[in-house]
Amino acid sequence: MISVSILDLVPVTQGSTPREALRKSLDLAQHAERFGYRRYWVAEHHNMTGIASAATAVVIGYLAGGTSTIRIGAGGIMLPNHAPLVVAEQFGTLESLYPGRIDLGLGRAPGTDQQGLRALRRDPARADEFPEDVQELQALLAPVQPGQAIQAVPGGGLKVPLWILGSSTFGAQLAGHLGLPFAFASHFAPDALMDALAIYRTRFQPSTQLEKPYVMIGVNVVAADTDKEARYLFSTTQQAFTNLARGRPGPQQPPIDDIEQYWSPSEKLRASHMLAYSVVGSAETVGDGMRRLVAATRADEVMVVSNIYDYTKRVRSYESVAAAAA
């Protein structure tokens, strides 16, 4: 059995609105709960017309309020964009409202482009302070100490589980040093996966939160009735990564019959490389592919990303993945 979770980018499809995207995400979270997924995460992105999860803590509250058992969390909060106190207060509030169901994944990237970074009034150098910010956040969520001058209310003593997210070996080193679970963004940054996991496991130091290493890997997964149909549906993701390389990200596009007509050879090479950790096909193909990935990485959990344009087919894909992982 493979432990599976969902990363939802809350995609805004062509011709739709963020409101519609958010409502579909709640419906999908409710389906995921019934399908047996362990957790459901949304991520902080800014200045992207195809993603509706910018106000991540607000979205988490919306999803948690509409579900009852599945863990809801951030995959993640881009900590350099925020004061640790504010994050502790936000997630302390969420944990108070939905006890035992909130996860807080932390990343050090801005989650936006340079223009978005300026609009956020953030200094890019803040990313260098990420380790210190994580430890400050840990202290704010830990039991309040006598004479503690700054407290997160709510937040202090609630011990919201923290995760370190990463796409390089930097996050692996930090997660190991702090004894936190580690989630690697292999669904778009495959290069350092194996090195990062080896470093994390080698350098892991037990903590009050975690006794032994715990690894989650991100994987693009598209399941359909046939391999051919799944490859067709996957062209939506291939277009999105091509558009990102072109510097023109936007709303999610419908699938196309011939992706070769859409991208140039160089764009194909770049997008296909970024999508190296993708499993696309029938339920049987997907099950075999996921088992091979778990065997190769020794991952404890797989975070599934299924960016499918047709919402009904997206739900069916997640249902097939859950069945294949069981």
Protein backbone atom coordinates (compact mmCIF):
# COMPACT_ATOMS: atom_id res chain seq x y z
CA MET A 1 0.00 0.00 0.00
CA ILE A 2 1.24 3.47 -0.91
CA SER A 3 0.32 6.43 1.29
CA VAL A 4 -1.01 9.11 -1.06
CA SER A 5 -1.90 12.77 -0.64
CA ILE A 6 -2.91 15.59 -2.98
CA LEU A 7 -1.28 18.88 -3.92
CA ASP A 8 -3.96 21.08 -5.44
CA LEU A 9 -2.83 24.19 -7.31
CA VAL A 10 -6.47 25.35 -7.40
CA PRO A 11 -6.24 25.74 -11.19
CA VAL A 12 -8.24 28.40 -12.99
CA THR A 13 -9.20 26.97 -16.38
CA GLN A 14 -9.67 28.99 -19.55
CA GLY A 15 -12.96 30.87 -19.39
CA SER A 16 -13.55 30.22 -15.69
CA THR A 17 -13.01 32.29 -12.54
CA PRO A 18 -11.07 31.88 -9.28
CA ARG A 19 -14.40 31.50 -7.51
CA GLU A 20 -15.20 28.45 -9.62
CA ALA A 21 -11.70 27.06 -9.06
CA LEU A 22 -12.07 27.37 -5.29
CA ARG A 23 -15.48 25.71 -5.26
CA LYS A 24 -14.10 22.80 -7.30
CA SER A 25 -11.20 22.48 -4.87
CA LEU A 26 -13.57 22.09 -1.96
CA ASP A 27 -15.52 19.47 -3.89
CA LEU A 28 -12.27 17.68 -4.75
CA ALA A 29 -11.13 17.75 -1.11
CA GLN A 30 -14.41 16.13 -0.12
CA HIS A 31 -13.89 13.44 -2.76
CA ALA A 32 -10.29 12.94 -1.61
CA GLU A 33 -11.51 12.37 1.93
CA ARG A 34 -13.85 9.64 0.70
CA PHE A 35 -11.17 8.11 -1.54
CA GLY A 36 -8.82 7.69 1.43
CA TYR A 37 -6.14 10.31 0.73
CA ARG A 38 -4.08 11.20 3.78
CA ARG A 39 -3.73 14.96 3.32
CA TYR A 40 -4.72 17.74 0.94
CA TRP A 41 -2.36 20.66 0.45
CA VAL A 42 -2.55 23.97 -1.39
CA ALA A 43 0.38 26.24 -2.20
CA GLU A 44 1.20 29.93 -2.06
CA HIS A 45 1.58 31.49 -5.52
CA HIS A 46 1.26 35.15 -6.45
CA ASN A 47 0.62 37.02 -9.69
CA MET A 48 -0.39 33.86 -11.54
CA THR A 49 -3.71 33.99 -13.38
CA GLY A 50 -3.97 30.21 -13.51
CA ILE A 51 -3.67 29.57 -9.75
CA ALA A 52 -6.23 30.70 -7.15
CA SER A 53 -4.47 29.77 -3.89
CA ALA A 54 -2.57 33.01 -3.18
CA ALA A 55 -4.30 33.56 0.17
CA THR A 56 -3.24 30.10 1.27
CA ALA A 57 -4.30 30.20 4.92
CA VAL A 58 -7.75 31.44 3.90
CA VAL A 59 -8.11 28.62 1.37
CA ILE A 60 -7.04 26.07 3.98
CA GLY A 61 -9.74 27.32 6.34
CA TYR A 62 -12.33 27.02 3.57
CA LEU A 63 -11.28 23.45 2.74
CA ALA A 64 -10.98 22.34 6.35
CA GLY A 65 -14.43 23.76 7.11
CA GLY A 66 -15.94 21.64 4.35
CA THR A 67 -14.24 18.38 5.31
CA SER A 68 -14.03 16.41 8.54
CA THR A 69 -11.13 13.94 8.69
CA ILE A 70 -8.53 14.54 5.96
CA ARG A 71 -5.51 16.66 6.94
CA ILE A 72 -5.48 20.05 5.22
CA GLY A 73 -2.32 22.07 4.85
CA ALA A 74 0.10 24.31 3.04
CA GLY A 75 2.47 22.91 0.49
CA GLY A 76 3.54 25.45 1.20
CA ILE A 77 3.75 28.84 2.83
CA MET A 78 6.67 30.79 1.36
CA LEU A 79 8.12 31.88 4.67
CA PRO A 80 10.36 34.73 3.42
CA ASN A 81 7.16 36.51 2.34
CA HIS A 82 5.85 36.65 5.91
CA ALA A 83 6.77 37.42 9.50
CA PRO A 84 6.95 34.15 11.45
CA LEU A 85 4.62 35.61 14.09
CA VAL A 86 1.87 36.19 11.52
CA VAL A 87 2.24 32.64 10.16
CA ALA A 88 2.13 31.23 13.71
CA GLU A 89 -1.05 33.21 14.43
CA GLN A 90 -2.71 32.14 11.17
CA PHE A 91 -1.95 28.46 11.58
CA GLY A 92 -2.57 28.59 15.31
CA THR A 93 -6.03 29.87 14.45
CA LEU A 94 -6.54 27.09 11.91
CA GLU A 95 -5.34 24.46 14.39
CA SER A 96 -7.71 25.87 17.04
CA LEU A 97 -10.64 25.62 14.62
CA TYR A 98 -9.71 22.23 13.14
CA PRO A 99 -7.57 20.49 15.80
CA GLY A 100 -5.30 17.69 14.65
CA ARG A 101 -5.93 18.31 10.96
CA ILE A 102 -3.57 21.16 9.94
CA ASP A 103 -0.15 20.83 8.29
CA LEU A 104 2.32 23.66 7.71
CA GLY A 105 4.78 23.11 4.89
CA LEU A 106 7.43 25.81 4.55
CA GLY A 107 9.34 26.92 1.47
CA ARG A 108 12.03 29.53 0.91
CA ALA A 109 11.16 30.56 -2.67
CA PRO A 110 8.95 33.64 -3.21
CA GLY A 111 6.23 31.78 -5.13
CA THR A 112 6.12 34.53 -7.74
CA ASP A 113 8.15 36.42 -10.33
CA GLN A 114 10.33 39.47 -9.75
CA GLN A 115 7.44 41.88 -10.30
CA GLY A 116 5.33 39.96 -7.82
CA LEU A 117 8.17 39.98 -5.33
CA ARG A 118 8.37 43.78 -5.54
CA ALA A 119 4.59 44.02 -5.13
CA LEU A 120 4.87 41.92 -1.96
CA ARG A 121 7.41 44.47 -0.64
CA ARG A 122 9.82 41.64 0.06
CA ASP A 123 13.59 41.70 0.00
CA PRO A 124 14.99 38.71 -1.95
CA ALA A 125 17.77 38.49 0.64
CA ARG A 126 15.15 37.35 3.19
CA ALA A 127 15.48 33.85 1.73
CA ASP A 128 18.92 33.67 3.37
CA GLU A 129 17.21 33.97 6.76
CA PHE A 130 14.95 30.98 6.12
CA PRO A 131 16.59 28.65 8.69
CA GLU A 132 16.33 31.28 11.42
CA ASP A 133 12.71 32.06 10.46
CA VAL A 134 11.79 28.37 10.66
CA GLN A 135 13.28 28.11 14.13
CA GLU A 136 11.50 31.28 15.23
CA LEU A 137 8.23 29.81 13.98
CA GLN A 138 8.95 26.57 15.84
CA ALA A 139 9.46 28.54 19.05
CA LEU A 140 6.21 30.45 18.57
CA LEU A 141 4.24 27.20 18.15
CA ALA A 142 5.99 25.49 21.07
CA PRO A 143 4.69 25.65 24.65
CA VAL A 144 4.89 29.20 25.96
CA GLN A 145 7.84 29.72 28.30
CA PRO A 146 7.73 31.78 31.53
CA GLY A 147 8.44 35.41 30.74
CA GLN A 148 8.11 34.89 26.97
CA ALA A 149 7.67 38.40 25.60
CA ILE A 150 6.21 37.55 22.17
CA GLN A 151 3.45 35.01 21.91
CA ALA A 152 1.31 33.75 19.05
CA VAL A 153 -2.30 33.88 20.23
CA PRO A 154 -3.59 31.42 19.20
CA GLY A 155 -0.57 29.38 18.28
CA GLY A 156 1.63 29.00 21.35
CA GLY A 157 1.68 25.40 22.53
CA LEU A 158 -0.36 24.05 19.62
CA LYS A 159 2.61 22.35 17.95
CA VAL A 160 1.27 22.55 14.41
CA PRO A 161 3.33 19.97 12.44
CA LEU A 162 5.97 21.68 10.33
CA TRP A 163 7.38 20.33 7.07
CA ILE A 164 10.35 21.58 5.08
CA LEU A 165 9.69 21.76 1.34
CA GLY A 166 12.55 21.75 -1.11
CA SER A 167 13.71 21.38 -4.68
CA SER A 168 17.43 21.23 -3.84
CA THR A 169 19.77 19.83 -1.22
CA PHE A 170 19.46 22.99 0.92
CA GLY A 171 16.04 22.05 2.24
CA ALA A 172 17.20 18.47 2.78
CA GLN A 173 20.04 19.61 5.02
CA LEU A 174 17.78 21.91 7.03
CA ALA A 175 15.02 19.33 7.46
CA GLY A 176 17.54 16.77 8.62
CA HIS A 177 19.21 19.16 11.05
CA LEU A 178 15.88 20.23 12.57
CA GLY A 179 14.38 16.74 12.60
CA LEU A 180 11.40 17.68 10.44
CA PRO A 181 9.62 15.76 7.68
CA PHE A 182 10.86 16.60 4.18
CA ALA A 183 8.79 17.02 1.02
CA PHE A 184 10.68 17.23 -2.27
CA ALA A 185 9.18 19.03 -5.26
CA SER A 186 10.12 16.37 -7.78
CA HIS A 187 6.94 17.08 -9.76
CA PHE A 188 8.72 20.07 -11.32
CA ALA A 189 12.36 19.95 -10.11
CA PRO A 190 13.66 16.39 -10.58
CA ASP A 191 17.42 16.90 -10.70
CA ALA A 192 18.41 16.81 -7.04
CA LEU A 193 15.82 14.33 -5.77
CA MET A 194 18.07 11.36 -5.02
CA ASP A 195 20.92 13.46 -3.63
CA ALA A 196 18.52 15.44 -1.45
CA LEU A 197 16.91 12.32 0.01
CA ALA A 198 20.31 10.77 0.76
CA ILE A 199 21.49 13.94 2.50
CA TYR A 200 18.27 14.24 4.49
CA ARG A 201 18.41 10.67 5.74
CA THR A 202 22.11 10.84 6.55
CA ARG A 203 21.89 14.10 8.47
CA PHE A 204 18.57 13.52 10.20
CA GLN A 205 18.56 14.27 13.92
CA PRO A 206 15.52 13.11 15.94
CA SER A 207 13.36 15.91 17.33
CA THR A 208 10.32 16.32 19.54
CA GLN A 209 8.20 16.27 16.37
CA LEU A 210 9.80 13.34 14.54
CA GLU A 211 11.85 10.32 15.68
CA LYS A 212 13.04 9.12 12.27
CA PRO A 213 13.23 10.52 8.72
CA TYR A 214 9.98 10.92 6.82
CA VAL A 215 10.00 11.64 3.08
CA MET A 216 7.27 12.74 0.73
CA ILE A 217 7.83 13.13 -3.03
CA GLY A 218 5.76 15.14 -5.49
CA VAL A 219 4.68 13.25 -8.61
CA ASN A 220 2.54 14.29 -11.58
CA VAL A 221 -0.05 11.57 -12.04
CA VAL A 222 -2.75 11.29 -14.69
CA ALA A 223 -4.92 8.19 -14.73
CA ALA A 224 -7.59 7.40 -17.30
CA ASP A 225 -9.34 4.38 -18.82
CA THR A 226 -6.50 3.87 -21.30
CA ASP A 227 -2.88 4.92 -21.66
CA LYS A 228 -3.80 6.84 -24.81
CA GLU A 229 -6.50 8.90 -23.09
CA ALA A 230 -4.21 9.63 -20.14
CA ARG A 231 -1.48 10.92 -22.47
CA TYR A 232 -4.07 13.17 -24.11
CA LEU A 233 -5.18 14.57 -20.75
CA PHE A 234 -1.54 15.06 -19.73
CA SER A 235 -1.06 17.49 -22.62
CA THR A 236 -2.66 20.15 -20.42
CA THR A 237 0.29 19.88 -18.04
CA GLN A 238 2.76 19.78 -20.91
CA GLN A 239 1.29 22.99 -22.32
CA ALA A 240 1.48 24.66 -18.91
CA PHE A 241 5.19 23.88 -18.52
CA THR A 242 5.85 25.02 -22.09
CA ASN A 243 4.07 28.30 -21.41
CA LEU A 244 6.08 28.72 -18.22
CA ALA A 245 9.28 28.33 -20.21
CA ARG A 246 7.99 30.94 -22.65
CA GLY A 247 7.38 33.35 -19.78
CA ARG A 248 3.65 33.33 -20.46
CA PRO A 249 1.92 31.35 -17.71
CA GLY A 250 -1.84 31.65 -17.67
CA PRO A 251 -5.12 29.81 -17.14
CA GLN A 252 -5.17 26.06 -17.57
CA GLN A 253 -5.66 25.05 -21.21
CA PRO A 254 -7.71 22.14 -22.60
CA PRO A 255 -5.83 19.06 -23.81
CA ILE A 256 -4.75 18.77 -27.44
CA ASP A 257 -4.33 15.80 -29.77
CA ASP A 258 -0.77 16.52 -30.88
CA ILE A 259 1.54 18.14 -28.34
CA GLU A 260 4.37 17.97 -30.87
CA GLN A 261 2.68 20.74 -32.81
CA TYR A 262 2.57 22.92 -29.71
CA TRP A 263 6.16 22.96 -28.53
CA SER A 264 9.50 23.38 -30.23
CA PRO A 265 12.23 20.72 -29.83
CA SER A 266 14.01 22.84 -27.22
CA GLU A 267 10.76 23.53 -25.34
CA LYS A 268 9.95 19.81 -25.42
CA LEU A 269 13.35 18.98 -23.97
CA ARG A 270 13.00 21.48 -21.13
CA ALA A 271 9.37 20.71 -20.25
CA SER A 272 9.86 16.95 -20.47
CA HIS A 273 12.90 17.21 -18.20
CA MET A 274 10.94 19.15 -15.58
CA LEU A 275 8.15 16.56 -15.83
CA ALA A 276 10.49 13.58 -15.49
CA TYR A 277 8.67 12.36 -12.38
CA SER A 278 5.29 11.82 -14.00
CA VAL A 279 3.18 8.69 -14.17
CA VAL A 280 0.61 8.73 -16.94
CA GLY A 281 -1.66 5.93 -18.10
CA SER A 282 -4.36 3.48 -17.14
CA ALA A 283 -4.94 2.53 -13.52
CA GLU A 284 -2.65 -0.48 -13.98
CA THR A 285 0.09 1.61 -15.59
CA VAL A 286 -0.18 4.23 -12.87
CA GLY A 287 -0.08 1.67 -10.08
CA ASP A 288 3.04 0.03 -11.51
CA GLY A 289 4.74 3.39 -12.08
CA MET A 290 4.05 4.65 -8.58
CA ARG A 291 5.31 1.45 -7.00
CA ARG A 292 8.55 1.70 -8.98
CA LEU A 293 9.05 5.31 -7.86
CA VAL A 294 8.44 4.44 -4.21
CA ALA A 295 10.82 1.50 -4.45
CA ALA A 296 13.52 3.69 -6.03
CA THR A 297 13.18 6.57 -3.55
CA ARG A 298 11.97 4.70 -0.44
CA ALA A 299 9.45 7.51 -0.05
CA ASP A 300 7.06 7.25 2.87
CA GLU A 301 4.35 9.15 1.02
CA VAL A 302 3.52 10.36 -2.49
CA MET A 303 2.04 13.82 -3.07
CA VAL A 304 -0.03 13.49 -6.24
CA VAL A 305 -0.46 16.41 -8.64
CA SER A 306 -3.11 15.87 -11.32
CA ASN A 307 -3.65 18.98 -13.41
CA ILE A 308 -6.45 17.77 -15.66
CA TYR A 309 -8.59 20.31 -17.51
CA ASP A 310 -11.90 18.44 -17.36
CA TYR A 311 -12.93 18.47 -13.71
CA THR A 312 -14.94 15.25 -13.90
CA LYS A 313 -11.94 13.43 -15.41
CA ARG A 314 -9.72 14.97 -12.75
CA VAL A 315 -11.86 13.50 -9.98
CA ARG A 316 -11.89 10.12 -11.73
CA SER A 317 -8.12 10.23 -12.03
CA TYR A 318 -7.71 10.79 -8.30
CA GLU A 319 -10.16 7.97 -7.59
CA SER A 320 -8.15 5.62 -9.84
CA VAL A 321 -4.87 6.65 -8.20
CA ALA A 322 -6.26 6.00 -4.73
CA ALA A 323 -7.47 2.55 -5.82
CA ALA A 324 -4.14 1.76 -7.50
CA ALA A 325 -2.24 2.78 -4.37
CA ALA A 326 -4.35 0.67 -2.03
